Amino acid sequence: MELDITTFLIVCPLVFLGGFVDSIAGGGGLITLPAYLIAGLPPHYAIATNKLSAAIGSGVSVYRLWRGSFVHFTFLMPAIVAAIIGAAVGSQLLLVMDEIYLQYLLLIILPITAFYVLRKKSYDDKIREVPHSRAITTAISFVLSAYCGFYGPGTGAFLILVLISWAGMNVRTAAGSAKVINVAANFAALAVLMLSGKVLVTLGLVAAAFGMAGNYIGSGMLIHKGATIIRPIIIFVLAIFFAKVIYDMFVI
């Protein structure tokens, strides 16, 4: 695909916002994936290139959360392996789906995911003893990483919610664990999609720099101010995305 400056001007600021939101409460993919679609990328290319910028940008918040003692790699090792396997399975499924059906599927999944992410209540910040929490975390990691490999947006938010509810983590530990699992899944899916030739490397790398900046600022706010969700930004970007889809379907 040929890229022009307009593509970068649309994608990069929105990826910055997506990284900012994602590092605080997850759900940044609800901004970053529509950013690529708004810029005119076909669905397969949009999802694949979004994996590149998301994987690199998320690495910054993982580092900051690890420095803040919110990430425990020894506990998470089985979940990381499960994430890699799950994401590879999901991305293979993505590649065999016809583009027109994928586009229709995105129109259904995006609003459902957004509704679920935006309606969730305040996080529980207490740690609870949960039997077999490592096994639960590993199973959660496989299932949601398969979803991440196939689609992506909302994975971080879903992980945080389930790790708090089912694995007994507090909000900061859940956010750190979710970020590690999400990064592992993104890199595994990225490897599969790179081999398919669907990743626009230049665009993804430039956007990743903006995503890193957003993740760095947002993860600092998580550490110091706790978890919040920036609903107006997500709603605004999704509104633009659906307006573009309606315009493409009924005007062009």
C-alpha atoms as a PDB file:
ATOM      1  CA  MET A   1       0.000   0.000   0.000  1.00  0.00           C
ATOM      2  CA  GLU A   2       1.082   3.582  -0.691  1.00  0.00           C
ATOM      3  CA  LEU A   3       0.956   5.933   2.304  1.00  0.00           C
ATOM      4  CA  ASP A   4       0.729   9.720   2.324  1.00  0.00           C
ATOM      5  CA  ILE A   5       1.207  12.325   5.033  1.00  0.00           C
ATOM      6  CA  THR A   6      -2.529  12.430   5.759  1.00  0.00           C
ATOM      7  CA  THR A   7      -2.427   8.823   6.935  1.00  0.00           C
ATOM      8  CA  PHE A   8       0.259   9.665   9.481  1.00  0.00           C
ATOM      9  CA  LEU A   9      -1.550  12.824  10.609  1.00  0.00           C
ATOM     10  CA  ILE A  10      -4.690  10.809  11.336  1.00  0.00           C
ATOM     11  CA  VAL A  11      -3.087   7.745  12.891  1.00  0.00           C
ATOM     12  CA  CYS A  12      -0.286   9.134  15.079  1.00  0.00           C
ATOM     13  CA  PRO A  13      -2.231  11.499  17.386  1.00  0.00           C
ATOM     14  CA  LEU A  14      -4.945   8.884  17.908  1.00  0.00           C
ATOM     15  CA  VAL A  15      -2.366   6.190  18.693  1.00  0.00           C
ATOM     16  CA  PHE A  16      -0.904   8.566  21.293  1.00  0.00           C
ATOM     17  CA  LEU A  17      -4.352   8.897  22.885  1.00  0.00           C
ATOM     18  CA  GLY A  18      -4.862   5.147  22.643  1.00  0.00           C
ATOM     19  CA  GLY A  19      -1.574   4.443  24.429  1.00  0.00           C
ATOM     20  CA  PHE A  20      -2.468   6.972  27.130  1.00  0.00           C
ATOM     21  CA  VAL A  21      -5.878   5.399  27.751  1.00  0.00           C
ATOM     22  CA  ASP A  22      -4.654   1.808  27.480  1.00  0.00           C
ATOM     23  CA  SER A  23      -1.890   2.197  30.056  1.00  0.00           C
ATOM     24  CA  ILE A  24      -4.387   3.553  32.606  1.00  0.00           C
ATOM     25  CA  ALA A  25      -7.364   1.237  32.263  1.00  0.00           C
ATOM     26  CA  GLY A  26      -7.097  -0.789  29.055  1.00  0.00           C
ATOM     27  CA  GLY A  27      -9.344  -0.345  26.033  1.00  0.00           C
ATOM     28  CA  GLY A  28      -6.868   1.780  24.064  1.00  0.00           C
ATOM     29  CA  GLY A  29      -7.412  -0.462  21.056  1.00  0.00           C
ATOM     30  CA  LEU A  30     -10.895   1.051  20.801  1.00  0.00           C
ATOM     31  CA  ILE A  31      -9.030   4.178  19.709  1.00  0.00           C
ATOM     32  CA  THR A  32      -6.002   2.815  17.836  1.00  0.00           C
ATOM     33  CA  LEU A  33      -7.729   0.289  15.553  1.00  0.00           C
ATOM     34  CA  PRO A  34     -10.386   2.777  14.385  1.00  0.00           C
ATOM     35  CA  ALA A  35      -7.520   5.241  13.797  1.00  0.00           C
ATOM     36  CA  TYR A  36      -6.063   2.989  11.108  1.00  0.00           C
ATOM     37  CA  LEU A  37      -9.505   2.279   9.653  1.00  0.00           C
ATOM     38  CA  ILE A  38     -10.381   5.984   9.606  1.00  0.00           C
ATOM     39  CA  ALA A  39      -7.119   6.585   7.713  1.00  0.00           C
ATOM     40  CA  GLY A  40      -8.363   4.208   5.018  1.00  0.00           C
ATOM     41  CA  LEU A  41      -6.457   0.973   5.693  1.00  0.00           C
ATOM     42  CA  PRO A  42      -8.254  -2.287   4.804  1.00  0.00           C
ATOM     43  CA  PRO A  43      -9.250  -4.321   7.900  1.00  0.00           C
ATOM     44  CA  HIS A  44      -6.486  -6.944   7.670  1.00  0.00           C
ATOM     45  CA  TYR A  45      -3.804  -4.270   7.287  1.00  0.00           C
ATOM     46  CA  ALA A  46      -5.351  -2.125  10.019  1.00  0.00           C
ATOM     47  CA  ILE A  47      -5.413  -4.953  12.571  1.00  0.00           C
ATOM     48  CA  ALA A  48      -1.920  -6.166  11.632  1.00  0.00           C
ATOM     49  CA  THR A  49      -0.276  -2.723  11.707  1.00  0.00           C
ATOM     50  CA  ASN A  50      -2.082  -1.900  14.945  1.00  0.00           C
ATOM     51  CA  LYS A  51      -0.348  -4.950  16.487  1.00  0.00           C
ATOM     52  CA  LEU A  52       3.059  -3.440  15.689  1.00  0.00           C
ATOM     53  CA  SER A  53       2.411  -0.042  17.257  1.00  0.00           C
ATOM     54  CA  ALA A  54       0.535  -1.582  20.212  1.00  0.00           C
ATOM     55  CA  ALA A  55       3.241  -4.126  21.045  1.00  0.00           C
ATOM     56  CA  ILE A  56       6.044  -1.573  21.059  1.00  0.00           C
ATOM     57  CA  GLY A  57       4.085   1.150  22.815  1.00  0.00           C
ATOM     58  CA  SER A  58       2.846  -1.180  25.541  1.00  0.00           C
ATOM     59  CA  GLY A  59       6.401  -2.202  26.381  1.00  0.00           C
ATOM     60  CA  VAL A  60       6.963   1.215  27.953  1.00  0.00           C
ATOM     61  CA  SER A  61       4.131   0.859  30.443  1.00  0.00           C
ATOM     62  CA  VAL A  62       5.250  -2.707  31.271  1.00  0.00           C
ATOM     63  CA  TYR A  63       8.671  -1.333  32.215  1.00  0.00           C
ATOM     64  CA  ARG A  64       7.206   1.422  34.395  1.00  0.00           C
ATOM     65  CA  LEU A  65       4.764  -0.943  36.088  1.00  0.00           C
ATOM     66  CA  TRP A  66       7.565  -3.457  36.692  1.00  0.00           C
ATOM     67  CA  ARG A  67       9.671  -0.703  38.262  1.00  0.00           C
ATOM     68  CA  GLY A  68       6.687   0.086  40.473  1.00  0.00           C
ATOM     69  CA  SER A  69       6.556  -3.585  41.632  1.00  0.00           C
ATOM     70  CA  PHE A  70       3.182  -4.217  39.966  1.00  0.00           C
ATOM     71  CA  VAL A  71       4.497  -7.000  37.685  1.00  0.00           C
ATOM     72  CA  HIS A  72       5.590 -10.440  38.952  1.00  0.00           C
ATOM     73  CA  PHE A  73       7.162 -12.320  36.044  1.00  0.00           C
ATOM     74  CA  THR A  74       7.724 -15.588  37.951  1.00  0.00           C
ATOM     75  CA  PHE A  75       4.016 -15.887  38.713  1.00  0.00           C
ATOM     76  CA  LEU A  76       3.057 -14.877  35.163  1.00  0.00           C
ATOM     77  CA  MET A  77       5.395 -17.162  33.194  1.00  0.00           C
ATOM     78  CA  PRO A  78       2.754 -19.868  32.429  1.00  0.00           C
ATOM     79  CA  ALA A  79       0.291 -17.122  31.459  1.00  0.00           C
ATOM     80  CA  ILE A  80       2.862 -15.587  29.093  1.00  0.00           C
ATOM     81  CA  VAL A  81       3.352 -18.944  27.342  1.00  0.00           C
ATOM     82  CA  ALA A  82      -0.431 -19.377  27.106  1.00  0.00           C
ATOM     83  CA  ALA A  83      -0.732 -15.854  25.669  1.00  0.00           C
ATOM     84  CA  ILE A  84       1.780 -16.589  22.913  1.00  0.00           C
ATOM     85  CA  ILE A  85      -0.021 -19.790  21.894  1.00  0.00           C
ATOM     86  CA  GLY A  86      -3.487 -18.235  22.096  1.00  0.00           C
ATOM     87  CA  ALA A  87      -2.523 -15.167  20.067  1.00  0.00           C
ATOM     88  CA  ALA A  88      -0.920 -17.292  17.341  1.00  0.00           C
ATOM     89  CA  VAL A  89      -4.137 -19.310  17.033  1.00  0.00           C
ATOM     90  CA  GLY A  90      -6.279 -16.167  16.895  1.00  0.00           C
ATOM     91  CA  SER A  91      -4.156 -14.439  14.261  1.00  0.00           C
ATOM     92  CA  GLN A  92      -4.199 -17.520  12.040  1.00  0.00           C
ATOM     93  CA  LEU A  93      -7.993 -17.427  12.201  1.00  0.00           C
ATOM     94  CA  LEU A  94      -7.892 -13.745  11.228  1.00  0.00           C
ATOM     95  CA  LEU A  95      -5.842 -14.476   8.114  1.00  0.00           C
ATOM     96  CA  VAL A  96      -8.283 -17.066   6.742  1.00  0.00           C
ATOM     97  CA  MET A  97     -11.300 -14.768   7.078  1.00  0.00           C
ATOM     98  CA  ASP A  98     -12.384 -12.913   3.934  1.00  0.00           C
ATOM     99  CA  GLU A  99     -11.898  -9.149   4.169  1.00  0.00           C
ATOM    100  CA  ILE A 100     -15.519  -8.193   3.478  1.00  0.00           C
ATOM    101  CA  TYR A 101     -16.778 -10.481   6.252  1.00  0.00           C
ATOM    102  CA  LEU A 102     -14.102  -9.126   8.577  1.00  0.00           C
ATOM    103  CA  GLN A 103     -15.270  -5.571   7.893  1.00  0.00           C
ATOM    104  CA  TYR A 104     -18.856  -6.455   8.764  1.00  0.00           C
ATOM    105  CA  LEU A 105     -17.651  -8.308  11.862  1.00  0.00           C
ATOM    106  CA  LEU A 106     -15.739  -5.225  13.039  1.00  0.00           C
ATOM    107  CA  LEU A 107     -18.905  -3.150  12.765  1.00  0.00           C
ATOM    108  CA  ILE A 108     -20.566  -5.573  15.171  1.00  0.00           C
ATOM    109  CA  ILE A 109     -17.692  -6.249  17.588  1.00  0.00           C
ATOM    110  CA  LEU A 110     -16.483  -2.644  18.028  1.00  0.00           C
ATOM    111  CA  PRO A 111     -19.679  -1.215  19.553  1.00  0.00           C
ATOM    112  CA  ILE A 112     -20.250  -4.311  21.709  1.00  0.00           C
ATOM    113  CA  THR A 113     -16.692  -4.133  23.037  1.00  0.00           C
ATOM    114  CA  ALA A 114     -16.963  -0.390  23.615  1.00  0.00           C
ATOM    115  CA  PHE A 115     -20.239  -0.788  25.491  1.00  0.00           C
ATOM    116  CA  TYR A 116     -18.764  -3.419  27.781  1.00  0.00           C
ATOM    117  CA  VAL A 117     -15.562  -1.470  28.461  1.00  0.00           C
ATOM    118  CA  LEU A 118     -17.300   1.873  29.016  1.00  0.00           C
ATOM    119  CA  ARG A 119     -19.987   0.561  31.355  1.00  0.00           C
ATOM    120  CA  LYS A 120     -17.707  -1.228  33.804  1.00  0.00           C
ATOM    121  CA  LYS A 121     -17.785   0.013  37.369  1.00  0.00           C
ATOM    122  CA  SER A 122     -14.921   1.195  39.561  1.00  0.00           C
ATOM    123  CA  TYR A 123     -12.191  -1.320  40.169  1.00  0.00           C
ATOM    124  CA  ASP A 124     -11.789  -3.200  43.436  1.00  0.00           C
ATOM    125  CA  ASP A 125      -8.372  -2.296  44.841  1.00  0.00           C
ATOM    126  CA  LYS A 126      -8.123  -5.157  47.357  1.00  0.00           C
ATOM    127  CA  ILE A 127      -6.171  -8.398  47.012  1.00  0.00           C
ATOM    128  CA  ARG A 128      -8.183 -11.569  47.763  1.00  0.00           C
ATOM    129  CA  GLU A 129      -6.953 -15.118  48.287  1.00  0.00           C
ATOM    130  CA  VAL A 130      -8.154 -17.173  45.314  1.00  0.00           C
ATOM    131  CA  PRO A 131      -7.427 -20.939  45.097  1.00  0.00           C
ATOM    132  CA  HIS A 132      -5.513 -21.932  41.949  1.00  0.00           C
ATOM    133  CA  SER A 133      -5.098 -18.298  40.945  1.00  0.00           C
ATOM    134  CA  ARG A 134      -2.093 -19.127  38.725  1.00  0.00           C
ATOM    135  CA  ALA A 135      -4.104 -21.736  36.799  1.00  0.00           C
ATOM    136  CA  ILE A 136      -6.995 -19.300  36.491  1.00  0.00           C
ATOM    137  CA  THR A 137      -4.676 -16.555  35.256  1.00  0.00           C
ATOM    138  CA  THR A 138      -3.139 -18.920  32.687  1.00  0.00           C
ATOM    139  CA  ALA A 139      -6.531 -20.015  31.345  1.00  0.00           C
ATOM    140  CA  ILE A 140      -7.709 -16.403  31.146  1.00  0.00           C
ATOM    141  CA  SER A 141      -4.508 -15.515  29.318  1.00  0.00           C
ATOM    142  CA  PHE A 142      -5.020 -18.164  26.620  1.00  0.00           C
ATOM    143  CA  VAL A 143      -8.652 -17.315  25.887  1.00  0.00           C
ATOM    144  CA  LEU A 144      -8.279 -13.533  25.803  1.00  0.00           C
ATOM    145  CA  SER A 145      -4.987 -13.713  23.891  1.00  0.00           C
ATOM    146  CA  ALA A 146      -6.729 -15.726  21.177  1.00  0.00           C
ATOM    147  CA  TYR A 147      -9.257 -12.892  21.015  1.00  0.00           C
ATOM    148  CA  CYS A 148      -6.346 -10.423  20.928  1.00  0.00           C
ATOM    149  CA  GLY A 149      -4.702 -12.236  18.019  1.00  0.00           C
ATOM    150  CA  PHE A 150      -7.920 -12.292  16.035  1.00  0.00           C
ATOM    151  CA  TYR A 151      -9.147  -8.791  16.837  1.00  0.00           C
ATOM    152  CA  GLY A 152      -7.615  -6.916  19.783  1.00  0.00           C
ATOM    153  CA  PRO A 153      -9.504  -3.877  21.102  1.00  0.00           C
ATOM    154  CA  GLY A 154     -10.718  -4.246  24.662  1.00  0.00           C
ATOM    155  CA  THR A 155      -8.325  -7.097  25.512  1.00  0.00           C
ATOM    156  CA  GLY A 156      -6.468  -5.084  28.155  1.00  0.00           C
ATOM    157  CA  ALA A 157      -9.676  -3.925  29.805  1.00  0.00           C
ATOM    158  CA  PHE A 158     -11.140  -7.440  29.770  1.00  0.00           C
ATOM    159  CA  LEU A 159      -7.944  -8.837  31.288  1.00  0.00           C
ATOM    160  CA  ILE A 160      -7.962  -6.291  34.118  1.00  0.00           C
ATOM    161  CA  LEU A 161     -11.609  -6.973  34.924  1.00  0.00           C
ATOM    162  CA  VAL A 162     -11.249 -10.750  34.943  1.00  0.00           C
ATOM    163  CA  LEU A 163      -7.939 -10.803  36.834  1.00  0.00           C
ATOM    164  CA  ILE A 164      -9.530  -8.693  39.566  1.00  0.00           C
ATOM    165  CA  SER A 165     -12.805 -10.660  39.646  1.00  0.00           C
ATOM    166  CA  TRP A 166     -11.514 -14.220  39.170  1.00  0.00           C
ATOM    167  CA  ALA A 167      -7.820 -14.196  40.156  1.00  0.00           C
ATOM    168  CA  GLY A 168      -8.151 -11.939  43.200  1.00  0.00           C
ATOM    169  CA  MET A 169      -5.647  -9.273  42.118  1.00  0.00           C
ATOM    170  CA  ASN A 170      -5.852  -5.626  43.117  1.00  0.00           C
ATOM    171  CA  VAL A 171      -6.115  -2.960  40.430  1.00  0.00           C
ATOM    172  CA  ARG A 172      -2.414  -2.167  40.037  1.00  0.00           C
ATOM    173  CA  THR A 173      -1.265  -5.785  40.044  1.00  0.00           C
ATOM    174  CA  ALA A 174      -4.047  -6.655  37.585  1.00  0.00           C
ATOM    175  CA  ALA A 175      -3.070  -3.729  35.346  1.00  0.00           C
ATOM    176  CA  GLY A 176       0.583  -4.801  35.367  1.00  0.00           C
ATOM    177  CA  SER A 177      -0.243  -8.460  34.751  1.00  0.00           C
ATOM    178  CA  ALA A 178      -2.715  -7.590  31.996  1.00  0.00           C
ATOM    179  CA  LYS A 179      -0.138  -5.421  30.276  1.00  0.00           C
ATOM    180  CA  VAL A 180       2.496  -8.203  30.291  1.00  0.00           C
ATOM    181  CA  ILE A 181       0.003 -10.741  28.925  1.00  0.00           C
ATOM    182  CA  ASN A 182      -1.214  -8.269  26.318  1.00  0.00           C
ATOM    183  CA  VAL A 183       2.319  -7.439  25.149  1.00  0.00           C
ATOM    184  CA  ALA A 184       3.184 -11.147  24.814  1.00  0.00           C
ATOM    185  CA  ALA A 185      -0.011 -11.724  22.818  1.00  0.00           C
ATOM    186  CA  ASN A 186       0.627  -8.709  20.592  1.00  0.00           C
ATOM    187  CA  PHE A 187       4.162  -9.810  19.724  1.00  0.00           C
ATOM    188  CA  ALA A 188       3.044 -13.386  19.007  1.00  0.00           C
ATOM    189  CA  ALA A 189       0.235 -12.163  16.738  1.00  0.00           C
ATOM    190  CA  LEU A 190       2.610  -9.655  15.140  1.00  0.00           C
ATOM    191  CA  ALA A 191       5.057 -12.427  14.224  1.00  0.00           C
ATOM    192  CA  VAL A 192       2.309 -14.362  12.437  1.00  0.00           C
ATOM    193  CA  LEU A 193       0.952 -11.282  10.667  1.00  0.00           C
ATOM    194  CA  MET A 194       4.420 -10.071   9.630  1.00  0.00           C
ATOM    195  CA  LEU A 195       4.958 -13.347   7.809  1.00  0.00           C
ATOM    196  CA  SER A 196       1.679 -12.779   5.959  1.00  0.00           C
ATOM    197  CA  GLY A 197       2.847  -9.369   4.674  1.00  0.00           C
ATOM    198  CA  LYS A 198      -0.076  -7.475   6.204  1.00  0.00           C
ATOM    199  CA  VAL A 199       1.985  -5.172   8.447  1.00  0.00           C
ATOM    200  CA  LEU A 200       2.831  -1.663   7.165  1.00  0.00           C
ATOM    201  CA  VAL A 201       6.135  -1.395   9.004  1.00  0.00           C
ATOM    202  CA  THR A 202       6.931   2.293   8.455  1.00  0.00           C
ATOM    203  CA  LEU A 203       3.510   3.471   9.591  1.00  0.00           C
ATOM    204  CA  GLY A 204       3.504   1.048  12.506  1.00  0.00           C
ATOM    205  CA  LEU A 205       6.924   2.160  13.764  1.00  0.00           C
ATOM    206  CA  VAL A 206       6.147   5.872  13.547  1.00  0.00           C
ATOM    207  CA  ALA A 207       2.809   5.334  15.289  1.00  0.00           C
ATOM    208  CA  ALA A 208       4.574   3.206  17.910  1.00  0.00           C
ATOM    209  CA  ALA A 209       6.691   6.198  18.918  1.00  0.00           C
ATOM    210  CA  PHE A 210       3.512   8.142  19.624  1.00  0.00           C
ATOM    211  CA  GLY A 211       2.039   5.134  21.429  1.00  0.00           C
ATOM    212  CA  MET A 212       5.155   4.899  23.615  1.00  0.00           C
ATOM    213  CA  ALA A 213       4.762   8.538  24.626  1.00  0.00           C
ATOM    214  CA  GLY A 214       1.100   8.005  25.489  1.00  0.00           C
ATOM    215  CA  ASN A 215       1.861   4.837  27.443  1.00  0.00           C
ATOM    216  CA  TYR A 216       4.669   6.547  29.369  1.00  0.00           C
ATOM    217  CA  ILE A 217       2.481   9.453  30.469  1.00  0.00           C
ATOM    218  CA  GLY A 218      -0.539   7.267  31.181  1.00  0.00           C
ATOM    219  CA  SER A 219       1.333   4.627  33.192  1.00  0.00           C
ATOM    220  CA  GLY A 220       2.732   7.408  35.379  1.00  0.00           C
ATOM    221  CA  MET A 221      -0.820   8.536  36.107  1.00  0.00           C
ATOM    222  CA  LEU A 222      -1.832   4.948  36.950  1.00  0.00           C
ATOM    223  CA  ILE A 223       0.971   4.629  39.484  1.00  0.00           C
ATOM    224  CA  HIS A 224       0.272   7.964  41.142  1.00  0.00           C
ATOM    225  CA  LYS A 225      -3.483   8.458  40.748  1.00  0.00           C
ATOM    226  CA  GLY A 226      -5.063   5.035  40.369  1.00  0.00           C
ATOM    227  CA  ALA A 227      -7.293   3.681  37.579  1.00  0.00           C
ATOM    228  CA  THR A 228      -9.610   5.883  35.544  1.00  0.00           C
ATOM    229  CA  ILE A 229     -11.262   5.561  32.140  1.00  0.00           C
ATOM    230  CA  ILE A 230     -11.235   8.349  29.598  1.00  0.00           C
ATOM    231  CA  ARG A 231     -14.695   7.694  28.173  1.00  0.00           C
ATOM    232  CA  PRO A 232     -15.171  10.885  26.104  1.00  0.00           C
ATOM    233  CA  ILE A 233     -12.049  10.180  24.020  1.00  0.00           C
ATOM    234  CA  ILE A 234     -13.140   6.624  23.198  1.00  0.00           C
ATOM    235  CA  ILE A 235     -16.687   7.711  22.357  1.00  0.00           C
ATOM    236  CA  PHE A 236     -15.419  10.548  20.153  1.00  0.00           C
ATOM    237  CA  VAL A 237     -13.072   8.315  18.135  1.00  0.00           C
ATOM    238  CA  LEU A 238     -15.695   5.605  17.684  1.00  0.00           C
ATOM    239  CA  ALA A 239     -18.187   8.227  16.518  1.00  0.00           C
ATOM    240  CA  ILE A 240     -15.712   9.363  13.848  1.00  0.00           C
ATOM    241  CA  PHE A 241     -15.131   5.759  12.801  1.00  0.00           C
ATOM    242  CA  PHE A 242     -18.821   4.978  12.380  1.00  0.00           C
ATOM    243  CA  ALA A 243     -19.414   8.254  10.557  1.00  0.00           C
ATOM    244  CA  LYS A 244     -16.705   7.277   8.072  1.00  0.00           C
ATOM    245  CA  VAL A 245     -18.173   3.799   7.626  1.00  0.00           C
ATOM    246  CA  ILE A 246     -21.645   5.212   6.963  1.00  0.00           C
ATOM    247  CA  TYR A 247     -20.185   7.743   4.522  1.00  0.00           C
ATOM    248  CA  ASP A 248     -18.272   5.011   2.643  1.00  0.00           C
ATOM    249  CA  MET A 249     -21.351   2.764   2.480  1.00  0.00           C
ATOM    250  CA  PHE A 250     -24.021   5.265   1.492  1.00  0.00           C
ATOM    251  CA  VAL A 251     -22.292   8.307  -0.037  1.00  0.00           C
ATOM    252  CA  ILE A 252     -19.306   7.078  -2.014  1.00  0.00           C
END
